[in-house]
Amino acid sequence: MGKIRPPRDRKFGKQKVMCIRCGTREAVIRKYGLNICRRCFREIAPELGFKKYS
């Protein structure tokens, strides 16, 4: 069996950015410095002051 290498630290890219609320790395909204995923954003958007127009 081969040696197991730990995952390397990323300096940039998709794997570097994670949601500050749930910790997922998929579909993160970074605009305006939010850094939350789209699922968490839909839950807390009215509290942040965003309005739904459609």
Protein backbone atom coordinates (compact mmCIF):
# COMPACT_ATOMS: atom_id res chain seq x y z
CA MET A 1 0.00 0.00 0.00
CA GLY A 2 1.25 3.48 -0.85
CA LYS A 3 1.88 6.39 1.43
CA ILE A 4 -1.05 8.67 2.20
CA ARG A 5 -0.40 12.32 1.49
CA PRO A 6 -2.51 14.96 3.26
CA PRO A 7 -4.45 17.39 1.06
CA ARG A 8 -2.45 20.47 0.24
CA ASP A 9 -3.52 23.95 1.30
CA ARG A 10 -5.02 25.99 -1.51
CA LYS A 11 -4.06 29.63 -2.04
CA PHE A 12 -6.88 30.42 -4.48
CA GLY A 13 -9.74 28.79 -6.34
CA LYS A 14 -13.02 27.10 -5.55
CA GLN A 15 -11.70 24.92 -2.74
CA LYS A 16 -10.29 27.89 -0.84
CA VAL A 17 -13.63 29.71 -0.40
CA MET A 18 -16.25 28.25 1.93
CA CYS A 19 -19.59 29.36 3.34
CA ILE A 20 -19.19 31.02 6.74
CA ARG A 21 -22.60 29.73 7.84
CA CYS A 22 -22.71 26.04 6.86
CA GLY A 23 -19.16 25.34 5.63
CA THR A 24 -19.97 24.09 2.12
CA ARG A 25 -17.71 24.95 -0.78
CA GLU A 26 -20.37 24.87 -3.51
CA ALA A 27 -22.16 27.92 -4.99
CA VAL A 28 -20.57 30.49 -2.67
CA ILE A 29 -21.64 34.11 -3.20
CA ARG A 30 -18.61 36.32 -2.66
CA LYS A 31 -20.11 39.57 -3.92
CA TYR A 32 -20.20 42.41 -1.35
CA GLY A 33 -18.05 40.26 0.94
CA LEU A 34 -20.94 37.94 1.87
CA ASN A 35 -19.08 34.60 1.53
CA ILE A 36 -22.22 32.50 2.04
CA CYS A 37 -23.67 29.78 -0.17
CA ARG A 38 -26.82 30.30 -2.21
CA ARG A 39 -28.90 28.07 0.06
CA CYS A 40 -27.99 30.03 3.19
CA PHE A 41 -28.45 33.29 1.27
CA ARG A 42 -32.07 32.45 0.44
CA GLU A 43 -32.78 31.90 4.13
CA ILE A 44 -31.23 35.10 5.47
CA ALA A 45 -31.59 37.50 2.50
CA PRO A 46 -34.58 39.43 3.96
CA GLU A 47 -32.64 39.99 7.20
CA LEU A 48 -29.73 41.41 5.18
CA GLY A 49 -32.04 43.82 3.36
CA PHE A 50 -32.32 42.11 -0.04
CA LYS A 51 -35.73 42.10 -1.70
CA LYS A 52 -37.20 39.61 -4.16
CA TYR A 53 -38.56 41.35 -7.27
CA SER A 54 -40.03 38.47 -9.29
